[in-house]
């Protein structure tokens, strides 16, 4: 329940929005964004400072076995190199929209030479990929805790640099499988309703992937059912990049930052963050409806209304990068657009 102070702020924000030189509601969802942004920041003059996309990268043991993905595990490291040399889609969108980009090695199965790319890669490596969860738990509880703490630190550092708006993306061959399992454990939906194609999977490969993940779900269900919670789920079927992103959500909410949720894997991490701190979602905008099969069901479960629906399913934070300009537009109309009074324009209520 909201306090009187919050209600007063909501009323003040709504009054400012309604008294801009436009018919009430004429800016549609931009008005909703402006209202939510003002409530998060606790002001009628919100602003987005130094927005960033953080891409967490990590490898998955199941991918190394080649059971759920058509692309080799080595693609994770190759794409991280693409990020830090500026050639990926997320680089293009961040440059275009003047968004900062932070690439984090959460657990890639590769040794990057940071001296070759100074300031381009943040090393928080927990391990060289998770273990194969068809055979054992993906990580230990201690590793999951370290990853969450590392994600929190990444956000703390960005916040200290003046950033108050952050979107989270990921890279990790096999991570749609991990996200599908997380979704199934958290929501109770059958695995087959959560599994999608991921990166380039054809019909035959999708069928095999679904069978493998059903077996993984069955093997880990007793342990997770005995001790349900985010840490148990992460340790059994998570990824280092997903765990790190979970911690990043928690810290961003704690700092009352504007958080932009990307697609399927990013939303799976949010499901886990909500298990730890239920109000995390209050600080989130959902960038887009991913083309990945399970994402629409995730959004329905969260009662979330995405800002965009472009059929995108690339990951990397690309959906978040496309949505941040919408947030910026909302904040700027609230701060800069004239009111009926200041512009000397008659409002509807002033008409005879």
Protein backbone atom coordinates (compact mmCIF):
# COMPACT_ATOMS: atom_id res chain seq x y z
CA UNK A 1 0.00 0.00 0.00
CA UNK A 2 1.30 3.44 -0.86
CA UNK A 3 1.83 6.06 1.79
CA UNK A 4 0.24 9.49 1.71
CA UNK A 5 3.54 11.00 0.57
CA UNK A 6 3.70 8.62 -2.40
CA UNK A 7 0.10 9.36 -3.30
CA UNK A 8 0.85 13.06 -3.15
CA UNK A 9 3.83 12.62 -5.45
CA UNK A 10 1.72 10.55 -7.85
CA UNK A 11 -0.94 13.25 -7.88
CA UNK A 12 1.64 15.99 -8.46
CA UNK A 13 3.24 14.06 -11.31
CA UNK A 14 -0.12 13.34 -12.91
CA UNK A 15 -1.06 17.02 -12.62
CA UNK A 16 2.18 18.06 -14.37
CA UNK A 17 1.65 15.46 -17.12
CA UNK A 18 -1.99 16.40 -17.68
CA UNK A 19 -1.22 20.12 -17.86
CA UNK A 20 1.33 19.92 -20.66
CA UNK A 21 0.20 21.47 -23.95
CA UNK A 22 -1.61 18.39 -25.24
CA UNK A 23 -4.90 16.61 -24.73
CA UNK A 24 -4.89 14.30 -21.67
CA UNK A 25 -3.34 10.97 -22.56
CA UNK A 26 -2.27 12.11 -26.03
CA UNK A 27 1.31 10.90 -25.52
CA UNK A 28 0.07 7.45 -24.62
CA UNK A 29 2.56 5.19 -22.91
CA UNK A 30 5.17 7.94 -22.76
CA UNK A 31 2.98 9.47 -20.06
CA UNK A 32 2.96 6.18 -18.12
CA UNK A 33 6.75 5.98 -18.39
CA UNK A 34 7.14 9.55 -17.16
CA UNK A 35 4.90 8.83 -14.19
CA UNK A 36 6.74 5.64 -13.20
CA UNK A 37 10.14 7.28 -13.64
CA UNK A 38 9.14 10.16 -11.40
CA UNK A 39 7.82 7.77 -8.75
CA UNK A 40 11.04 5.75 -8.80
CA UNK A 41 13.20 8.85 -8.44
CA UNK A 42 10.83 10.56 -6.03
CA UNK A 43 10.56 13.80 -7.99
CA UNK A 44 8.44 15.64 -10.53
CA UNK A 45 11.68 16.43 -12.38
CA UNK A 46 13.19 13.00 -13.13
CA UNK A 47 16.24 12.64 -15.32
CA UNK A 48 18.25 9.83 -16.88
CA UNK A 49 21.97 10.25 -16.34
CA UNK A 50 24.64 8.31 -18.25
CA UNK A 51 22.48 5.30 -19.22
CA UNK A 52 24.40 2.05 -19.63
CA UNK A 53 23.89 -1.44 -21.00
CA UNK A 54 25.74 -4.13 -19.08
CA UNK A 55 26.35 -7.37 -20.97
CA UNK A 56 27.19 -10.32 -18.72
CA UNK A 57 28.88 -13.22 -20.53
CA UNK A 58 29.31 -16.79 -19.35
CA UNK A 59 29.55 -20.34 -20.65
CA UNK A 60 27.40 -23.35 -19.79
CA UNK A 61 28.59 -26.91 -19.30
CA UNK A 62 25.57 -28.31 -21.11
CA UNK A 63 26.62 -26.34 -24.21
CA UNK A 64 30.07 -27.90 -24.14
CA UNK A 65 28.37 -31.29 -24.46
CA UNK A 66 26.58 -30.07 -27.62
CA UNK A 67 23.20 -31.32 -26.44
CA UNK A 68 21.05 -28.18 -26.61
CA UNK A 69 22.73 -25.81 -29.07
CA UNK A 70 23.72 -25.86 -32.75
CA UNK A 71 26.56 -23.34 -32.25
CA UNK A 72 29.82 -24.37 -30.55
CA UNK A 73 30.57 -23.06 -27.07
CA UNK A 74 33.54 -21.11 -28.46
CA UNK A 75 31.08 -18.60 -29.95
CA UNK A 76 30.61 -17.06 -26.48
CA UNK A 77 34.24 -15.92 -26.31
CA UNK A 78 34.22 -14.92 -29.97
CA UNK A 79 31.20 -12.69 -29.41
CA UNK A 80 32.73 -11.12 -26.32
CA UNK A 81 35.72 -10.18 -28.48
CA UNK A 82 33.26 -8.75 -30.99
CA UNK A 83 31.66 -6.65 -28.22
CA UNK A 84 34.93 -5.23 -26.97
CA UNK A 85 36.13 -4.40 -30.50
CA UNK A 86 32.86 -2.66 -31.32
CA UNK A 87 31.38 -4.88 -34.01
CA UNK A 88 28.18 -6.32 -32.51
CA UNK A 89 24.60 -5.10 -32.77
CA UNK A 90 24.68 -3.85 -29.19
CA UNK A 91 27.71 -1.70 -30.05
CA UNK A 92 25.88 -0.16 -32.99
CA UNK A 93 22.77 0.68 -30.97
CA UNK A 94 24.72 2.01 -28.00
CA UNK A 95 26.81 4.26 -30.23
CA UNK A 96 23.72 5.51 -32.06
CA UNK A 97 21.81 6.36 -28.90
CA UNK A 98 24.78 7.55 -26.80
CA UNK A 99 24.44 4.71 -24.28
CA UNK A 100 27.46 3.44 -22.39
CA UNK A 101 28.41 -0.23 -22.73
CA UNK A 102 29.97 -2.39 -20.04
CA UNK A 103 31.00 -5.96 -20.98
CA UNK A 104 31.54 -8.34 -18.06
CA UNK A 105 33.29 -11.71 -18.15
CA UNK A 106 31.16 -13.58 -15.62
CA UNK A 107 32.48 -17.01 -16.53
CA UNK A 108 33.56 -17.44 -20.13
CA UNK A 109 35.60 -20.52 -21.02
CA UNK A 110 38.46 -18.41 -22.35
CA UNK A 111 41.33 -16.30 -21.04
CA UNK A 112 41.04 -12.75 -22.37
CA UNK A 113 44.17 -10.65 -22.54
CA UNK A 114 42.90 -7.50 -20.85
CA UNK A 115 46.11 -5.64 -21.76
CA UNK A 116 45.02 -5.79 -25.41
CA UNK A 117 41.69 -4.13 -24.61
CA UNK A 118 42.26 -1.75 -21.69
CA UNK A 119 39.01 -0.53 -20.18
CA UNK A 120 36.89 -2.62 -22.56
CA UNK A 121 36.23 -5.68 -20.42
CA UNK A 122 35.38 -6.05 -16.73
CA UNK A 123 36.73 -9.34 -15.42
CA UNK A 124 34.54 -10.94 -12.74
CA UNK A 125 35.16 -14.53 -13.82
CA UNK A 126 33.75 -17.08 -11.37
CA UNK A 127 34.92 -20.06 -13.40
CA UNK A 128 35.45 -21.30 -16.94
CA UNK A 129 31.78 -21.97 -17.48
CA UNK A 130 29.37 -23.89 -15.32
CA UNK A 131 29.29 -27.67 -14.97
CA UNK A 132 27.04 -29.83 -17.12
CA UNK A 133 23.75 -29.88 -15.20
CA UNK A 134 22.68 -33.06 -16.94
CA UNK A 135 25.32 -34.73 -14.75
CA UNK A 136 25.63 -32.53 -11.64
CA UNK A 137 24.75 -29.12 -10.23
CA UNK A 138 25.83 -26.23 -12.45
CA UNK A 139 27.64 -24.45 -9.64
CA UNK A 140 28.07 -24.47 -5.89
CA UNK A 141 26.07 -22.21 -3.59
CA UNK A 142 29.32 -20.39 -2.82
CA UNK A 143 29.92 -19.74 -6.53
CA UNK A 144 26.34 -18.48 -6.91
CA UNK A 145 26.83 -16.13 -3.96
CA UNK A 146 30.11 -14.82 -5.43
CA UNK A 147 28.44 -14.21 -8.78
CA UNK A 148 25.56 -12.31 -7.19
CA UNK A 149 28.01 -10.22 -5.17
CA UNK A 150 30.01 -9.47 -8.33
CA UNK A 151 26.87 -8.32 -10.16
CA UNK A 152 26.02 -6.03 -7.29
CA UNK A 153 29.53 -4.55 -7.44
CA UNK A 154 29.31 -3.87 -11.18
CA UNK A 155 26.16 -1.81 -10.60
CA UNK A 156 27.65 -0.08 -7.57
CA UNK A 157 30.60 1.05 -9.68
CA UNK A 158 28.36 2.34 -12.49
CA UNK A 159 26.20 4.22 -10.02
CA UNK A 160 29.31 5.83 -8.50
CA UNK A 161 30.26 7.07 -11.98
CA UNK A 162 26.94 8.95 -12.26
CA UNK A 163 24.77 6.36 -14.02
CA UNK A 164 21.16 6.12 -12.81
CA UNK A 165 19.65 4.08 -15.68
CA UNK A 166 20.86 0.61 -16.59
CA UNK A 167 19.78 -2.17 -18.94
CA UNK A 168 21.04 -5.72 -18.64
CA UNK A 169 21.97 -8.05 -21.48
CA UNK A 170 23.83 -11.34 -21.78
CA UNK A 171 25.89 -13.62 -23.96
CA UNK A 172 26.31 -17.33 -23.42
CA UNK A 173 25.81 -20.25 -25.77
CA UNK A 174 23.26 -22.52 -24.06
CA UNK A 175 21.81 -19.87 -21.77
CA UNK A 176 18.27 -20.09 -23.19
CA UNK A 177 18.25 -23.65 -21.83
CA UNK A 178 19.20 -22.44 -18.37
CA UNK A 179 16.59 -19.67 -18.59
CA UNK A 180 13.91 -22.16 -19.65
CA UNK A 181 14.63 -24.35 -16.63
CA UNK A 182 14.62 -21.35 -14.28
CA UNK A 183 11.30 -20.24 -15.74
CA UNK A 184 9.77 -23.68 -15.27
CA UNK A 185 10.94 -24.01 -11.65
CA UNK A 186 9.79 -20.49 -10.69
CA UNK A 187 6.46 -20.34 -12.54
CA UNK A 188 5.43 -23.98 -12.38
CA UNK A 189 4.89 -24.10 -16.15
CA UNK A 190 5.90 -27.36 -17.89
CA UNK A 191 9.37 -27.34 -19.40
CA UNK A 192 8.05 -27.80 -22.92
CA UNK A 193 6.09 -24.54 -22.61
CA UNK A 194 9.25 -22.69 -21.61
CA UNK A 195 11.76 -24.03 -24.13
CA UNK A 196 12.37 -22.08 -27.32
CA UNK A 197 14.74 -22.23 -30.25
CA UNK A 198 17.50 -20.11 -28.78
CA UNK A 199 20.32 -19.52 -31.25
CA UNK A 200 19.39 -21.00 -34.63
CA UNK A 201 17.83 -24.29 -33.49
CA UNK A 202 15.83 -26.20 -36.12
CA UNK A 203 12.77 -28.39 -35.42
CA UNK A 204 14.74 -31.59 -34.87
CA UNK A 205 17.24 -29.86 -32.58
CA UNK A 206 14.40 -28.19 -30.65
CA UNK A 207 12.79 -31.57 -30.02
CA UNK A 208 16.10 -32.96 -28.73
CA UNK A 209 16.69 -29.87 -26.63
CA UNK A 210 13.25 -30.20 -25.04
CA UNK A 211 13.82 -33.88 -24.21
CA UNK A 212 17.19 -33.11 -22.61
CA UNK A 213 15.78 -30.28 -20.52
CA UNK A 214 12.85 -32.40 -19.34
CA UNK A 215 15.41 -34.89 -18.05
CA UNK A 216 17.46 -32.13 -16.39
CA UNK A 217 14.32 -30.75 -14.74
CA UNK A 218 13.40 -34.19 -13.41
CA UNK A 219 16.88 -34.85 -12.00
CA UNK A 220 17.13 -31.60 -10.08
CA UNK A 221 13.50 -31.29 -8.98
CA UNK A 222 13.87 -33.20 -5.66
CA UNK A 223 16.68 -30.94 -4.44
CA UNK A 224 14.94 -27.76 -5.55
CA UNK A 225 11.58 -28.85 -4.14
CA UNK A 226 13.25 -29.63 -0.80
CA UNK A 227 14.85 -26.19 -0.58
CA UNK A 228 13.06 -23.86 -3.00
CA UNK A 229 14.57 -20.45 -3.62
CA UNK A 230 16.73 -18.47 -5.98
CA UNK A 231 20.06 -19.75 -4.70
CA UNK A 232 19.05 -23.39 -5.02
CA UNK A 233 17.73 -22.91 -8.55
CA UNK A 234 20.83 -20.97 -9.58
CA UNK A 235 23.22 -23.52 -8.16
CA UNK A 236 21.50 -26.43 -9.90
CA UNK A 237 20.66 -25.05 -13.36
CA UNK A 238 21.85 -21.45 -13.55
CA UNK A 239 24.67 -19.72 -15.35
CA UNK A 240 27.33 -17.40 -13.98
CA UNK A 241 26.05 -14.57 -16.19
CA UNK A 242 22.47 -15.15 -14.99
CA UNK A 243 23.56 -15.20 -11.35
CA UNK A 244 25.57 -12.02 -11.83
CA UNK A 245 22.62 -10.34 -13.50
CA UNK A 246 20.41 -11.38 -10.57
CA UNK A 247 22.74 -9.53 -8.21
CA UNK A 248 22.80 -6.55 -10.57
CA UNK A 249 19.00 -6.27 -10.45
CA UNK A 250 19.05 -6.38 -6.67
CA UNK A 251 21.64 -3.63 -6.33
CA UNK A 252 20.04 -1.41 -8.99
CA UNK A 253 16.70 -1.59 -7.16
CA UNK A 254 18.42 -0.89 -3.84
CA UNK A 255 19.92 2.26 -5.41
CA UNK A 256 16.55 3.23 -6.94
CA UNK A 257 17.97 3.18 -10.44
CA UNK A 258 15.84 2.95 -13.57
CA UNK A 259 16.20 -0.65 -14.74
CA UNK A 260 15.49 -1.78 -18.31
CA UNK A 261 14.81 -5.50 -18.71
CA UNK A 262 15.86 -6.98 -22.05
CA UNK A 263 14.58 -10.35 -23.25
CA UNK A 264 14.17 -13.98 -22.28
CA UNK A 265 17.37 -14.65 -20.31
CA UNK A 266 17.34 -11.21 -18.67
CA UNK A 267 13.74 -11.76 -17.56
CA UNK A 268 14.65 -15.19 -16.16
CA UNK A 269 17.27 -13.48 -13.98
CA UNK A 270 14.59 -11.04 -12.84
CA UNK A 271 12.37 -13.98 -11.81
CA UNK A 272 15.17 -15.06 -9.49
CA UNK A 273 15.79 -11.54 -8.18
CA UNK A 274 12.08 -11.29 -7.29
CA UNK A 275 12.38 -14.43 -5.18
CA UNK A 276 15.07 -12.68 -3.15
CA UNK A 277 13.47 -9.20 -3.02
CA UNK A 278 9.86 -8.99 -4.11
CA UNK A 279 9.78 -5.26 -4.97
CA UNK A 280 12.63 -5.38 -7.54
CA UNK A 281 10.12 -5.24 -10.38
CA UNK A 282 8.86 -1.82 -9.19
CA UNK A 283 12.04 -0.30 -10.63
CA UNK A 284 11.84 -2.09 -13.99
CA UNK A 285 10.70 -1.22 -17.47
CA UNK A 286 10.31 -4.17 -19.84
CA UNK A 287 12.01 -3.25 -23.08
CA UNK A 288 10.40 -5.60 -25.55
CA UNK A 289 8.55 -8.84 -26.23
CA UNK A 290 11.23 -11.23 -27.38
CA UNK A 291 10.65 -13.61 -30.27
CA UNK A 292 11.85 -16.40 -27.94
CA UNK A 293 8.88 -18.68 -27.27
CA UNK A 294 8.74 -18.57 -23.49
CA UNK A 295 9.15 -14.82 -23.11
CA UNK A 296 5.49 -13.93 -23.67
CA UNK A 297 4.53 -16.40 -20.95
CA UNK A 298 7.13 -14.89 -18.62
CA UNK A 299 5.73 -11.41 -19.23
CA UNK A 300 2.19 -12.64 -18.56
CA UNK A 301 3.37 -14.24 -15.32
CA UNK A 302 4.92 -10.92 -14.26
CA UNK A 303 1.89 -8.93 -15.49
CA UNK A 304 4.40 -6.89 -17.50
CA UNK A 305 3.61 -4.79 -20.56
CA UNK A 306 6.68 -4.47 -22.82
CA UNK A 307 7.41 -1.18 -24.55
CA UNK A 308 8.31 -2.69 -27.94
CA UNK A 309 7.44 -5.74 -29.99
CA UNK A 310 9.89 -6.01 -32.87
CA UNK A 311 10.30 -9.79 -33.04
CA UNK A 312 13.86 -9.45 -31.73
CA UNK A 313 15.57 -12.39 -30.01
CA UNK A 314 19.26 -11.57 -30.24
CA UNK A 315 20.03 -10.90 -26.60
CA UNK A 316 23.09 -8.76 -25.83
CA UNK A 317 20.79 -6.13 -24.32
CA UNK A 318 19.73 -5.00 -27.79
CA UNK A 319 16.05 -4.67 -26.86
CA UNK A 320 16.98 -2.55 -23.84
CA UNK A 321 19.15 -0.32 -26.02
CA UNK A 322 16.17 0.27 -28.33
CA UNK A 323 13.88 1.10 -25.39
CA UNK A 324 16.11 3.56 -23.53
CA UNK A 325 15.44 6.36 -26.07
CA UNK A 326 11.72 5.98 -25.27
CA UNK A 327 12.48 6.51 -21.59
CA UNK A 328 14.62 9.52 -22.45
CA UNK A 329 11.78 10.97 -24.54
CA UNK A 330 9.38 10.56 -21.64
CA UNK A 331 11.66 12.27 -19.17
CA UNK A 332 12.38 15.15 -21.54
CA UNK A 333 8.74 15.87 -22.32
CA UNK A 334 8.03 15.95 -18.59
CA UNK A 335 10.94 18.32 -17.91
CA UNK A 336 10.86 20.54 -21.00
CA UNK A 337 7.40 20.63 -22.56
CA UNK A 338 5.43 23.80 -21.82
CA UNK A 339 2.31 23.77 -19.67
CA UNK A 340 -0.93 25.39 -20.83
CA UNK A 341 -0.28 28.19 -18.36
CA UNK A 342 3.37 28.86 -19.27
CA UNK A 343 2.63 28.78 -23.01
CA UNK A 344 -0.50 30.90 -22.77
CA UNK A 345 -2.58 28.16 -24.42
CA UNK A 346 -6.18 27.61 -23.36
CA UNK A 347 -6.82 24.19 -21.85
CA UNK A 348 -9.94 22.14 -22.46
CA UNK A 349 -11.34 23.13 -19.06
CA UNK A 350 -10.95 26.79 -20.01
CA UNK A 351 -13.16 26.48 -23.08
CA UNK A 352 -16.68 28.01 -22.89
